[in-house]
């Protein structure tokens, strides 16, 4: 991702220079449109990223996993509902969730509940709803549909995992976990000043980490909007299947934070169907390039591959169902 961002940055630097090589197909109007789209997406999304980072750091520093585990229900349907509601109570992105969920699984949380929490937490929370509602001010049903579709996908995935996954899919051993737990308990034994320091360090790290993905995503979106022929974009965006598949691949590559992806999606409203935009808004937070790498670092490869296949097919099927019967 860093290499791709660097290449994209070099491209923009070259475009901003008046090289004769580019002058034949890059006009002043192209550059002005690019800057307008890029800056508008960035400025609209940045406040929501900041708010999400602050809440995520607050939870990371002051809320223990034991406090969450205490309320886990035994019934699978109630467990899935509980995992979805956790996102409302504790809005976090997948970058902060995956390490926490690993500890929760080792402390007794069922795998199907943990995975549902990972995939729905970045979507079903008030910050993301507010950002989506703001991005689609002229089409607010997208915000409600995003929450509903994510919940439908979560139920399907949760029940499948409950039925077929019985063993522990984590890479970490029990011994390593006990050592980590001792370190965590040592780190949490400190005064309020130490916790505040941890809070601000975590918040700053996560803000800059999320910020680079937002910049890259906004840049790539602006390039596509400016330099891809509108006829080609419309041909893909209006296709009954191709629009959904394209948006899934686009969301996977961009790896945007769920508090900012709605502003990217809204820029495609005139080119893509509402159903494919929903696919983008639901699939991206559940599975993208950076989250795949994080999942592989925590879970066994076989389980991650199964999860990738399960999320991709379920989101596509549920999105098509939602578009044809519920929208």
C-alpha atoms as a PDB file:
ATOM      1  CA  UNK A   1       0.000   0.000   0.000  1.00  0.00           C
ATOM      2  CA  UNK A   2       2.858   2.386   0.818  1.00  0.00           C
ATOM      3  CA  UNK A   3       4.438   1.662  -2.588  1.00  0.00           C
ATOM      4  CA  UNK A   4       1.152   2.340  -4.376  1.00  0.00           C
ATOM      5  CA  UNK A   5       0.686   5.580  -2.447  1.00  0.00           C
ATOM      6  CA  UNK A   6       4.245   6.636  -3.325  1.00  0.00           C
ATOM      7  CA  UNK A   7       3.699   5.924  -7.036  1.00  0.00           C
ATOM      8  CA  UNK A   8       0.446   7.875  -6.907  1.00  0.00           C
ATOM      9  CA  UNK A   9       2.211  10.787  -5.217  1.00  0.00           C
ATOM     10  CA  UNK A  10       4.934  10.843  -7.876  1.00  0.00           C
ATOM     11  CA  UNK A  11       2.248  10.823 -10.565  1.00  0.00           C
ATOM     12  CA  UNK A  12       0.555  13.858  -9.048  1.00  0.00           C
ATOM     13  CA  UNK A  13       3.860  15.715  -8.733  1.00  0.00           C
ATOM     14  CA  UNK A  14       4.523  15.066 -12.393  1.00  0.00           C
ATOM     15  CA  UNK A  15       1.038  16.178 -13.329  1.00  0.00           C
ATOM     16  CA  UNK A  16       1.458  19.424 -11.444  1.00  0.00           C
ATOM     17  CA  UNK A  17       4.593  20.169 -13.454  1.00  0.00           C
ATOM     18  CA  UNK A  18       4.222  21.422 -16.986  1.00  0.00           C
ATOM     19  CA  UNK A  19       5.958  18.496 -18.729  1.00  0.00           C
ATOM     20  CA  UNK A  20       5.361  18.291 -22.466  1.00  0.00           C
ATOM     21  CA  UNK A  21       4.857  14.533 -22.163  1.00  0.00           C
ATOM     22  CA  UNK A  22       1.651  15.069 -20.205  1.00  0.00           C
ATOM     23  CA  UNK A  23       0.433  18.221 -21.892  1.00  0.00           C
ATOM     24  CA  UNK A  24      -1.182  16.281 -24.725  1.00  0.00           C
ATOM     25  CA  UNK A  25      -3.783  14.627 -22.483  1.00  0.00           C
ATOM     26  CA  UNK A  26      -3.685  16.597 -19.206  1.00  0.00           C
ATOM     27  CA  UNK A  27      -5.246  20.035 -19.424  1.00  0.00           C
ATOM     28  CA  UNK A  28      -5.593  22.812 -16.874  1.00  0.00           C
ATOM     29  CA  UNK A  29      -9.267  21.860 -16.582  1.00  0.00           C
ATOM     30  CA  UNK A  30      -8.293  18.271 -15.701  1.00  0.00           C
ATOM     31  CA  UNK A  31      -5.965  19.466 -12.954  1.00  0.00           C
ATOM     32  CA  UNK A  32      -8.528  21.872 -11.541  1.00  0.00           C
ATOM     33  CA  UNK A  33     -11.224  19.169 -11.458  1.00  0.00           C
ATOM     34  CA  UNK A  34      -8.793  16.740  -9.839  1.00  0.00           C
ATOM     35  CA  UNK A  35      -7.859  19.223  -7.112  1.00  0.00           C
ATOM     36  CA  UNK A  36     -11.510  20.080  -6.461  1.00  0.00           C
ATOM     37  CA  UNK A  37     -12.597  16.437  -6.054  1.00  0.00           C
ATOM     38  CA  UNK A  38      -9.523  15.467  -4.041  1.00  0.00           C
ATOM     39  CA  UNK A  39      -9.721  18.370  -1.567  1.00  0.00           C
ATOM     40  CA  UNK A  40     -13.506  18.158  -1.152  1.00  0.00           C
ATOM     41  CA  UNK A  41     -13.392  14.449  -0.240  1.00  0.00           C
ATOM     42  CA  UNK A  42     -10.498  15.057   2.136  1.00  0.00           C
ATOM     43  CA  UNK A  43     -12.073  18.002   3.961  1.00  0.00           C
ATOM     44  CA  UNK A  44     -15.480  16.335   4.326  1.00  0.00           C
ATOM     45  CA  UNK A  45     -14.073  13.084   5.703  1.00  0.00           C
ATOM     46  CA  UNK A  46     -11.347  14.377   8.044  1.00  0.00           C
ATOM     47  CA  UNK A  47     -13.604  15.444  10.984  1.00  0.00           C
ATOM     48  CA  UNK A  48     -15.240  12.011  11.094  1.00  0.00           C
ATOM     49  CA  UNK A  49     -11.879  10.246  11.073  1.00  0.00           C
ATOM     50  CA  UNK A  50     -10.698  12.429  13.960  1.00  0.00           C
ATOM     51  CA  UNK A  51     -13.836  11.682  15.981  1.00  0.00           C
ATOM     52  CA  UNK A  52     -13.549   7.953  15.295  1.00  0.00           C
ATOM     53  CA  UNK A  53      -9.883   7.889  16.277  1.00  0.00           C
ATOM     54  CA  UNK A  54     -10.554   9.670  19.577  1.00  0.00           C
ATOM     55  CA  UNK A  55     -13.345   7.253  20.533  1.00  0.00           C
ATOM     56  CA  UNK A  56     -11.282   4.255  19.458  1.00  0.00           C
ATOM     57  CA  UNK A  57      -8.348   5.409  21.605  1.00  0.00           C
ATOM     58  CA  UNK A  58     -10.676   6.046  24.536  1.00  0.00           C
ATOM     59  CA  UNK A  59     -11.921   2.464  24.381  1.00  0.00           C
ATOM     60  CA  UNK A  60      -8.468   1.042  23.840  1.00  0.00           C
ATOM     61  CA  UNK A  61      -7.155   2.797  26.935  1.00  0.00           C
ATOM     62  CA  UNK A  62      -9.996   2.777  29.447  1.00  0.00           C
ATOM     63  CA  UNK A  63     -12.295  -0.191  28.617  1.00  0.00           C
ATOM     64  CA  UNK A  64     -11.126  -3.731  29.370  1.00  0.00           C
ATOM     65  CA  UNK A  65     -12.030  -6.816  27.351  1.00  0.00           C
ATOM     66  CA  UNK A  66     -13.363  -8.478  30.519  1.00  0.00           C
ATOM     67  CA  UNK A  67     -16.054  -5.825  30.772  1.00  0.00           C
ATOM     68  CA  UNK A  68     -17.309  -6.796  27.308  1.00  0.00           C
ATOM     69  CA  UNK A  69     -16.986 -10.556  27.751  1.00  0.00           C
ATOM     70  CA  UNK A  70     -19.149 -10.492  30.862  1.00  0.00           C
ATOM     71  CA  UNK A  71     -22.253  -9.812  28.766  1.00  0.00           C
ATOM     72  CA  UNK A  72     -21.783 -12.384  25.959  1.00  0.00           C
ATOM     73  CA  UNK A  73     -25.026 -14.405  25.470  1.00  0.00           C
ATOM     74  CA  UNK A  74     -25.029 -18.167  24.828  1.00  0.00           C
ATOM     75  CA  UNK A  75     -27.752 -18.232  22.163  1.00  0.00           C
ATOM     76  CA  UNK A  76     -26.194 -17.880  18.644  1.00  0.00           C
ATOM     77  CA  UNK A  77     -28.782 -15.422  17.316  1.00  0.00           C
ATOM     78  CA  UNK A  78     -28.547 -13.323  20.459  1.00  0.00           C
ATOM     79  CA  UNK A  79     -24.762 -13.586  20.198  1.00  0.00           C
ATOM     80  CA  UNK A  80     -24.813 -12.195  16.640  1.00  0.00           C
ATOM     81  CA  UNK A  81     -27.152  -9.398  17.732  1.00  0.00           C
ATOM     82  CA  UNK A  82     -24.834  -8.694  20.668  1.00  0.00           C
ATOM     83  CA  UNK A  83     -21.805  -8.470  18.334  1.00  0.00           C
ATOM     84  CA  UNK A  84     -23.666  -5.990  16.107  1.00  0.00           C
ATOM     85  CA  UNK A  85     -24.685  -3.877  19.071  1.00  0.00           C
ATOM     86  CA  UNK A  86     -21.072  -3.755  20.274  1.00  0.00           C
ATOM     87  CA  UNK A  87     -20.312  -1.554  17.281  1.00  0.00           C
ATOM     88  CA  UNK A  88     -22.933   0.928  18.442  1.00  0.00           C
ATOM     89  CA  UNK A  89     -21.558   0.974  21.976  1.00  0.00           C
ATOM     90  CA  UNK A  90     -17.871   0.861  21.013  1.00  0.00           C
ATOM     91  CA  UNK A  91     -17.293   2.455  17.585  1.00  0.00           C
ATOM     92  CA  UNK A  92     -13.867   1.332  16.358  1.00  0.00           C
ATOM     93  CA  UNK A  93     -12.251   0.640  13.002  1.00  0.00           C
ATOM     94  CA  UNK A  94     -10.984  -2.835  12.123  1.00  0.00           C
ATOM     95  CA  UNK A  95      -7.401  -1.757  12.817  1.00  0.00           C
ATOM     96  CA  UNK A  96      -8.247  -1.372  16.505  1.00  0.00           C
ATOM     97  CA  UNK A  97     -10.700  -4.280  16.626  1.00  0.00           C
ATOM     98  CA  UNK A  98      -8.569  -7.162  15.370  1.00  0.00           C
ATOM     99  CA  UNK A  99      -5.969  -7.077  18.203  1.00  0.00           C
ATOM    100  CA  UNK A 100      -8.748  -6.677  20.794  1.00  0.00           C
ATOM    101  CA  UNK A 101     -10.805  -9.503  19.306  1.00  0.00           C
ATOM    102  CA  UNK A 102      -7.791 -11.813  19.352  1.00  0.00           C
ATOM    103  CA  UNK A 103      -7.560 -11.351  23.115  1.00  0.00           C
ATOM    104  CA  UNK A 104     -11.320 -11.783  23.507  1.00  0.00           C
ATOM    105  CA  UNK A 105     -11.274 -15.134  21.650  1.00  0.00           C
ATOM    106  CA  UNK A 106      -8.477 -16.406  23.873  1.00  0.00           C
ATOM    107  CA  UNK A 107     -10.447 -15.290  26.920  1.00  0.00           C
ATOM    108  CA  UNK A 108     -13.503 -17.261  25.839  1.00  0.00           C
ATOM    109  CA  UNK A 109     -15.445 -15.264  23.238  1.00  0.00           C
ATOM    110  CA  UNK A 110     -16.886 -17.606  20.533  1.00  0.00           C
ATOM    111  CA  UNK A 111     -15.255 -17.213  17.129  1.00  0.00           C
ATOM    112  CA  UNK A 112     -18.515 -16.459  15.299  1.00  0.00           C
ATOM    113  CA  UNK A 113     -19.319 -13.564  17.673  1.00  0.00           C
ATOM    114  CA  UNK A 114     -15.791 -12.194  17.386  1.00  0.00           C
ATOM    115  CA  UNK A 115     -15.818 -12.258  13.571  1.00  0.00           C
ATOM    116  CA  UNK A 116     -19.253 -10.619  13.403  1.00  0.00           C
ATOM    117  CA  UNK A 117     -17.912  -7.889  15.688  1.00  0.00           C
ATOM    118  CA  UNK A 118     -14.905  -7.392  13.368  1.00  0.00           C
ATOM    119  CA  UNK A 119     -16.966  -7.106  10.191  1.00  0.00           C
ATOM    120  CA  UNK A 120     -19.912  -5.083  11.501  1.00  0.00           C
ATOM    121  CA  UNK A 121     -18.270  -2.881  14.112  1.00  0.00           C
ATOM    122  CA  UNK A 122     -16.726  -0.560  11.490  1.00  0.00           C
ATOM    123  CA  UNK A 123     -20.181  -0.110   9.880  1.00  0.00           C
ATOM    124  CA  UNK A 124     -22.937  -0.372  12.492  1.00  0.00           C
ATOM    125  CA  UNK A 125     -21.957   2.526  14.703  1.00  0.00           C
ATOM    126  CA  UNK A 126     -23.212   6.109  15.124  1.00  0.00           C
ATOM    127  CA  UNK A 127     -20.118   7.817  13.718  1.00  0.00           C
ATOM    128  CA  UNK A 128     -20.250   5.893  10.437  1.00  0.00           C
ATOM    129  CA  UNK A 129     -24.008   6.402  10.178  1.00  0.00           C
ATOM    130  CA  UNK A 130     -23.564  10.161  10.636  1.00  0.00           C
ATOM    131  CA  UNK A 131     -20.763  10.271   8.054  1.00  0.00           C
ATOM    132  CA  UNK A 132     -22.829   8.278   5.538  1.00  0.00           C
ATOM    133  CA  UNK A 133     -25.895  10.419   6.149  1.00  0.00           C
ATOM    134  CA  UNK A 134     -23.816  13.561   5.634  1.00  0.00           C
ATOM    135  CA  UNK A 135     -22.192  12.223   2.455  1.00  0.00           C
ATOM    136  CA  UNK A 136     -25.565  11.221   0.960  1.00  0.00           C
ATOM    137  CA  UNK A 137     -27.580  14.249   2.057  1.00  0.00           C
ATOM    138  CA  UNK A 138     -29.569  14.103  -1.173  1.00  0.00           C
ATOM    139  CA  UNK A 139     -30.189  10.349  -0.840  1.00  0.00           C
ATOM    140  CA  UNK A 140     -30.425   9.581   2.922  1.00  0.00           C
ATOM    141  CA  UNK A 141     -31.912   6.110   2.399  1.00  0.00           C
ATOM    142  CA  UNK A 142     -28.375   4.970   1.524  1.00  0.00           C
ATOM    143  CA  UNK A 143     -27.351   5.519   5.165  1.00  0.00           C
ATOM    144  CA  UNK A 144     -30.236   3.408   6.499  1.00  0.00           C
ATOM    145  CA  UNK A 145     -29.747   0.746   3.822  1.00  0.00           C
ATOM    146  CA  UNK A 146     -26.057   0.489   4.680  1.00  0.00           C
ATOM    147  CA  UNK A 147     -26.861  -0.360   8.300  1.00  0.00           C
ATOM    148  CA  UNK A 148     -29.601  -2.816   7.301  1.00  0.00           C
ATOM    149  CA  UNK A 149     -27.514  -4.602   4.665  1.00  0.00           C
ATOM    150  CA  UNK A 150     -24.550  -4.913   7.035  1.00  0.00           C
ATOM    151  CA  UNK A 151     -26.837  -6.447   9.651  1.00  0.00           C
ATOM    152  CA  UNK A 152     -28.255  -8.933   7.106  1.00  0.00           C
ATOM    153  CA  UNK A 153     -24.751  -9.961   5.991  1.00  0.00           C
ATOM    154  CA  UNK A 154     -23.687 -10.327   9.636  1.00  0.00           C
ATOM    155  CA  UNK A 155     -26.547 -12.725  10.409  1.00  0.00           C
ATOM    156  CA  UNK A 156     -25.702 -14.957   7.432  1.00  0.00           C
ATOM    157  CA  UNK A 157     -21.946 -15.000   8.107  1.00  0.00           C
ATOM    158  CA  UNK A 158     -22.411 -15.464  11.858  1.00  0.00           C
ATOM    159  CA  UNK A 159     -24.719 -18.474  11.444  1.00  0.00           C
ATOM    160  CA  UNK A 160     -22.377 -20.115   8.910  1.00  0.00           C
ATOM    161  CA  UNK A 161     -19.383 -19.660  11.212  1.00  0.00           C
ATOM    162  CA  UNK A 162     -21.400 -20.977  14.176  1.00  0.00           C
ATOM    163  CA  UNK A 163     -22.272 -24.091  12.174  1.00  0.00           C
ATOM    164  CA  UNK A 164     -18.879 -24.919  10.633  1.00  0.00           C
ATOM    165  CA  UNK A 165     -16.074 -23.368  12.754  1.00  0.00           C
ATOM    166  CA  UNK A 166     -15.482 -25.314  15.947  1.00  0.00           C
ATOM    167  CA  UNK A 167     -11.716 -25.110  16.487  1.00  0.00           C
ATOM    168  CA  UNK A 168      -9.553 -22.150  17.497  1.00  0.00           C
ATOM    169  CA  UNK A 169      -8.405 -20.371  14.277  1.00  0.00           C
ATOM    170  CA  UNK A 170      -5.823 -18.138  15.976  1.00  0.00           C
ATOM    171  CA  UNK A 171      -2.104 -18.335  15.272  1.00  0.00           C
ATOM    172  CA  UNK A 172      -1.061 -17.342  18.798  1.00  0.00           C
ATOM    173  CA  UNK A 173      -0.420 -20.086  21.340  1.00  0.00           C
ATOM    174  CA  UNK A 174      -1.821 -20.182  24.843  1.00  0.00           C
ATOM    175  CA  UNK A 175       1.674 -19.632  26.304  1.00  0.00           C
ATOM    176  CA  UNK A 176       2.223 -16.534  24.188  1.00  0.00           C
ATOM    177  CA  UNK A 177      -1.166 -15.254  25.223  1.00  0.00           C
ATOM    178  CA  UNK A 178      -0.392 -15.645  28.932  1.00  0.00           C
ATOM    179  CA  UNK A 179       2.868 -13.731  28.439  1.00  0.00           C
ATOM    180  CA  UNK A 180       0.999 -10.985  26.559  1.00  0.00           C
ATOM    181  CA  UNK A 181      -1.637 -10.858  29.274  1.00  0.00           C
ATOM    182  CA  UNK A 182       1.038 -10.277  31.904  1.00  0.00           C
ATOM    183  CA  UNK A 183       2.473  -7.425  29.848  1.00  0.00           C
ATOM    184  CA  UNK A 184      -0.979  -5.889  29.417  1.00  0.00           C
ATOM    185  CA  UNK A 185      -1.687  -6.030  33.135  1.00  0.00           C
ATOM    186  CA  UNK A 186       1.680  -4.411  33.808  1.00  0.00           C
ATOM    187  CA  UNK A 187       0.953  -1.633  31.307  1.00  0.00           C
ATOM    188  CA  UNK A 188      -2.448  -0.908  32.838  1.00  0.00           C
ATOM    189  CA  UNK A 189      -1.055  -0.504  36.328  1.00  0.00           C
ATOM    190  CA  UNK A 190      -0.453   3.206  36.263  1.00  0.00           C
ATOM    191  CA  UNK A 191      -1.950   6.505  37.151  1.00  0.00           C
ATOM    192  CA  UNK A 192      -4.241   8.680  35.099  1.00  0.00           C
ATOM    193  CA  UNK A 193      -1.286  10.522  33.563  1.00  0.00           C
ATOM    194  CA  UNK A 194       0.113   7.306  32.135  1.00  0.00           C
ATOM    195  CA  UNK A 195      -3.274   6.359  30.695  1.00  0.00           C
ATOM    196  CA  UNK A 196      -3.699   9.802  29.173  1.00  0.00           C
ATOM    197  CA  UNK A 197      -0.276   9.499  27.603  1.00  0.00           C
ATOM    198  CA  UNK A 198      -1.275   6.098  26.164  1.00  0.00           C
ATOM    199  CA  UNK A 199      -4.522   7.614  24.895  1.00  0.00           C
ATOM    200  CA  UNK A 200      -2.824  10.434  23.001  1.00  0.00           C
ATOM    201  CA  UNK A 201      -0.076   8.212  21.596  1.00  0.00           C
ATOM    202  CA  UNK A 202      -2.650   5.693  20.340  1.00  0.00           C
ATOM    203  CA  UNK A 203      -4.844   8.474  18.911  1.00  0.00           C
ATOM    204  CA  UNK A 204      -2.010  10.163  17.039  1.00  0.00           C
ATOM    205  CA  UNK A 205      -0.681   6.886  15.625  1.00  0.00           C
ATOM    206  CA  UNK A 206      -4.110   5.795  14.447  1.00  0.00           C
ATOM    207  CA  UNK A 207      -4.938   9.216  13.001  1.00  0.00           C
ATOM    208  CA  UNK A 208      -1.813   9.275  10.828  1.00  0.00           C
ATOM    209  CA  UNK A 209      -2.293   5.615   9.913  1.00  0.00           C
ATOM    210  CA  UNK A 210      -5.892   6.216   8.798  1.00  0.00           C
ATOM    211  CA  UNK A 211      -4.992   9.545   7.220  1.00  0.00           C
ATOM    212  CA  UNK A 212      -2.577   8.057   4.704  1.00  0.00           C
ATOM    213  CA  UNK A 213      -5.247   5.615   3.478  1.00  0.00           C
ATOM    214  CA  UNK A 214      -7.751   8.445   3.171  1.00  0.00           C
ATOM    215  CA  UNK A 215      -5.301  10.574   1.161  1.00  0.00           C
ATOM    216  CA  UNK A 216      -4.493   7.668  -1.140  1.00  0.00           C
ATOM    217  CA  UNK A 217      -8.169   6.770  -1.575  1.00  0.00           C
ATOM    218  CA  UNK A 218      -9.201  10.354  -2.273  1.00  0.00           C
ATOM    219  CA  UNK A 219      -6.368  10.742  -4.768  1.00  0.00           C
ATOM    220  CA  UNK A 220      -7.193   7.539  -6.639  1.00  0.00           C
ATOM    221  CA  UNK A 221     -10.896   8.408  -6.702  1.00  0.00           C
ATOM    222  CA  UNK A 222     -10.174  11.848  -8.131  1.00  0.00           C
ATOM    223  CA  UNK A 223      -7.900  10.347 -10.813  1.00  0.00           C
ATOM    224  CA  UNK A 224     -10.592   7.841 -11.851  1.00  0.00           C
ATOM    225  CA  UNK A 225     -13.254  10.543 -11.940  1.00  0.00           C
ATOM    226  CA  UNK A 226     -11.135  12.868 -14.068  1.00  0.00           C
ATOM    227  CA  UNK A 227      -9.253  10.594 -16.465  1.00  0.00           C
ATOM    228  CA  UNK A 228     -11.554   7.598 -16.979  1.00  0.00           C
ATOM    229  CA  UNK A 229     -13.975   8.126 -19.846  1.00  0.00           C
ATOM    230  CA  UNK A 230     -17.476   8.717 -18.546  1.00  0.00           C
ATOM    231  CA  UNK A 231     -18.919   6.277 -21.084  1.00  0.00           C
ATOM    232  CA  UNK A 232     -16.673   3.487 -19.764  1.00  0.00           C
ATOM    233  CA  UNK A 233     -17.563   4.330 -16.169  1.00  0.00           C
ATOM    234  CA  UNK A 234     -21.268   4.320 -16.971  1.00  0.00           C
ATOM    235  CA  UNK A 235     -20.971   0.983 -18.800  1.00  0.00           C
ATOM    236  CA  UNK A 236     -19.451  -0.602 -15.701  1.00  0.00           C
ATOM    237  CA  UNK A 237     -21.534   1.298 -13.170  1.00  0.00           C
ATOM    238  CA  UNK A 238     -24.902   0.476 -14.689  1.00  0.00           C
ATOM    239  CA  UNK A 239     -24.213  -3.238 -15.197  1.00  0.00           C
ATOM    240  CA  UNK A 240     -26.349  -5.528 -13.003  1.00  0.00           C
ATOM    241  CA  UNK A 241     -23.333  -7.580 -11.854  1.00  0.00           C
ATOM    242  CA  UNK A 242     -20.262  -5.715 -13.129  1.00  0.00           C
ATOM    243  CA  UNK A 243     -21.048  -2.616 -11.052  1.00  0.00           C
ATOM    244  CA  UNK A 244     -21.078  -4.659  -7.828  1.00  0.00           C
ATOM    245  CA  UNK A 245     -17.904  -6.597  -8.682  1.00  0.00           C
ATOM    246  CA  UNK A 246     -16.064  -3.420  -9.678  1.00  0.00           C
ATOM    247  CA  UNK A 247     -17.043  -1.662  -6.461  1.00  0.00           C
ATOM    248  CA  UNK A 248     -15.959  -4.650  -4.357  1.00  0.00           C
ATOM    249  CA  UNK A 249     -12.536  -4.636  -6.015  1.00  0.00           C
ATOM    250  CA  UNK A 250     -12.334  -0.853  -5.724  1.00  0.00           C
ATOM    251  CA  UNK A 251     -13.157  -0.984  -2.009  1.00  0.00           C
ATOM    252  CA  UNK A 252     -10.595  -3.750  -1.443  1.00  0.00           C
ATOM    253  CA  UNK A 253      -7.777  -1.801  -3.097  1.00  0.00           C
ATOM    254  CA  UNK A 254      -8.587   1.585  -1.535  1.00  0.00           C
ATOM    255  CA  UNK A 255      -8.634   0.199   2.046  1.00  0.00           C
ATOM    256  CA  UNK A 256     -10.470   3.285   3.302  1.00  0.00           C
ATOM    257  CA  UNK A 257     -11.599   3.860   6.862  1.00  0.00           C
ATOM    258  CA  UNK A 258     -15.376   3.397   7.223  1.00  0.00           C
ATOM    259  CA  UNK A 259     -15.723   6.963   8.487  1.00  0.00           C
ATOM    260  CA  UNK A 260     -14.495   8.320   5.150  1.00  0.00           C
ATOM    261  CA  UNK A 261     -15.506   5.807   2.468  1.00  0.00           C
ATOM    262  CA  UNK A 262     -19.023   7.263   2.165  1.00  0.00           C
ATOM    263  CA  UNK A 263     -17.588  10.522   0.828  1.00  0.00           C
ATOM    264  CA  UNK A 264     -15.687   8.591  -1.837  1.00  0.00           C
ATOM    265  CA  UNK A 265     -18.803   6.552  -2.725  1.00  0.00           C
ATOM    266  CA  UNK A 266     -20.990   9.664  -2.980  1.00  0.00           C
ATOM    267  CA  UNK A 267     -18.776  11.007  -5.766  1.00  0.00           C
ATOM    268  CA  UNK A 268     -19.909   8.049  -7.924  1.00  0.00           C
ATOM    269  CA  UNK A 269     -23.656   8.644  -7.479  1.00  0.00           C
ATOM    270  CA  UNK A 270     -24.198   9.787 -11.073  1.00  0.00           C
ATOM    271  CA  UNK A 271     -22.236   6.870 -12.556  1.00  0.00           C
ATOM    272  CA  UNK A 272     -23.103   3.830 -10.432  1.00  0.00           C
ATOM    273  CA  UNK A 273     -26.321   2.238  -9.214  1.00  0.00           C
ATOM    274  CA  UNK A 274     -27.379   2.674  -5.595  1.00  0.00           C
ATOM    275  CA  UNK A 275     -27.029  -1.080  -5.078  1.00  0.00           C
ATOM    276  CA  UNK A 276     -23.383  -1.106  -6.177  1.00  0.00           C
ATOM    277  CA  UNK A 277     -22.642   1.885  -3.928  1.00  0.00           C
ATOM    278  CA  UNK A 278     -24.086  -0.108  -1.028  1.00  0.00           C
ATOM    279  CA  UNK A 279     -21.836  -3.016  -1.986  1.00  0.00           C
ATOM    280  CA  UNK A 280     -18.857  -0.666  -1.773  1.00  0.00           C
ATOM    281  CA  UNK A 281     -19.995   0.723   1.588  1.00  0.00           C
ATOM    282  CA  UNK A 282     -20.558  -2.712   3.144  1.00  0.00           C
ATOM    283  CA  UNK A 283     -17.768  -4.791   1.594  1.00  0.00           C
ATOM    284  CA  UNK A 284     -14.930  -2.293   2.124  1.00  0.00           C
ATOM    285  CA  UNK A 285     -15.140  -2.060   5.942  1.00  0.00           C
ATOM    286  CA  UNK A 286     -15.591  -5.848   6.186  1.00  0.00           C
ATOM    287  CA  UNK A 287     -12.653  -6.790   3.958  1.00  0.00           C
ATOM    288  CA  UNK A 288      -9.903  -4.795   2.295  1.00  0.00           C
ATOM    289  CA  UNK A 289      -6.181  -5.069   1.607  1.00  0.00           C
ATOM    290  CA  UNK A 290      -4.930  -3.789   4.949  1.00  0.00           C
ATOM    291  CA  UNK A 291      -7.443  -5.785   7.001  1.00  0.00           C
ATOM    292  CA  UNK A 292      -6.479  -8.954   5.083  1.00  0.00           C
ATOM    293  CA  UNK A 293      -2.873  -8.495   6.144  1.00  0.00           C
ATOM    294  CA  UNK A 294      -3.974  -7.912   9.742  1.00  0.00           C
ATOM    295  CA  UNK A 295      -6.229 -10.988   9.682  1.00  0.00           C
ATOM    296  CA  UNK A 296      -3.360 -13.115   8.353  1.00  0.00           C
ATOM    297  CA  UNK A 297      -1.158 -11.943  11.201  1.00  0.00           C
ATOM    298  CA  UNK A 298      -3.751 -13.062  13.774  1.00  0.00           C
ATOM    299  CA  UNK A 299      -5.662 -15.991  12.221  1.00  0.00           C
ATOM    300  CA  UNK A 300      -4.525 -19.126  10.395  1.00  0.00           C
ATOM    301  CA  UNK A 301      -4.253 -18.774   6.620  1.00  0.00           C
ATOM    302  CA  UNK A 302      -6.902 -21.421   5.902  1.00  0.00           C
ATOM    303  CA  UNK A 303      -9.433 -19.618   8.098  1.00  0.00           C
ATOM    304  CA  UNK A 304      -8.664 -16.237   6.487  1.00  0.00           C
ATOM    305  CA  UNK A 305      -9.130 -17.671   2.976  1.00  0.00           C
ATOM    306  CA  UNK A 306     -12.449 -19.189   4.061  1.00  0.00           C
ATOM    307  CA  UNK A 307     -13.461 -15.829   5.557  1.00  0.00           C
ATOM    308  CA  UNK A 308     -12.522 -13.935   2.376  1.00  0.00           C
ATOM    309  CA  UNK A 309     -14.638 -16.293   0.258  1.00  0.00           C
ATOM    310  CA  UNK A 310     -17.513 -16.152   2.740  1.00  0.00           C
ATOM    311  CA  UNK A 311     -17.574 -12.346   3.009  1.00  0.00           C
ATOM    312  CA  UNK A 312     -17.247 -11.816  -0.760  1.00  0.00           C
ATOM    313  CA  UNK A 313     -20.038 -14.199  -1.755  1.00  0.00           C
ATOM    314  CA  UNK A 314     -22.358 -13.158   1.084  1.00  0.00           C
ATOM    315  CA  UNK A 315     -22.003  -9.418   0.464  1.00  0.00           C
ATOM    316  CA  UNK A 316     -22.524  -9.853  -3.281  1.00  0.00           C
ATOM    317  CA  UNK A 317     -25.576 -12.106  -2.848  1.00  0.00           C
ATOM    318  CA  UNK A 318     -27.154  -9.948  -0.138  1.00  0.00           C
ATOM    319  CA  UNK A 319     -26.471  -6.743  -2.085  1.00  0.00           C
ATOM    320  CA  UNK A 320     -28.170  -8.114  -5.184  1.00  0.00           C
ATOM    321  CA  UNK A 321     -31.093  -9.315  -3.066  1.00  0.00           C
ATOM    322  CA  UNK A 322     -31.329  -5.916  -1.338  1.00  0.00           C
ATOM    323  CA  UNK A 323     -31.183  -4.021  -4.637  1.00  0.00           C
ATOM    324  CA  UNK A 324     -33.916  -6.054  -6.336  1.00  0.00           C
ATOM    325  CA  UNK A 325     -36.329  -6.678  -3.477  1.00  0.00           C
ATOM    326  CA  UNK A 326     -35.799  -4.182  -0.647  1.00  0.00           C
ATOM    327  CA  UNK A 327     -34.551  -0.927  -2.205  1.00  0.00           C
END
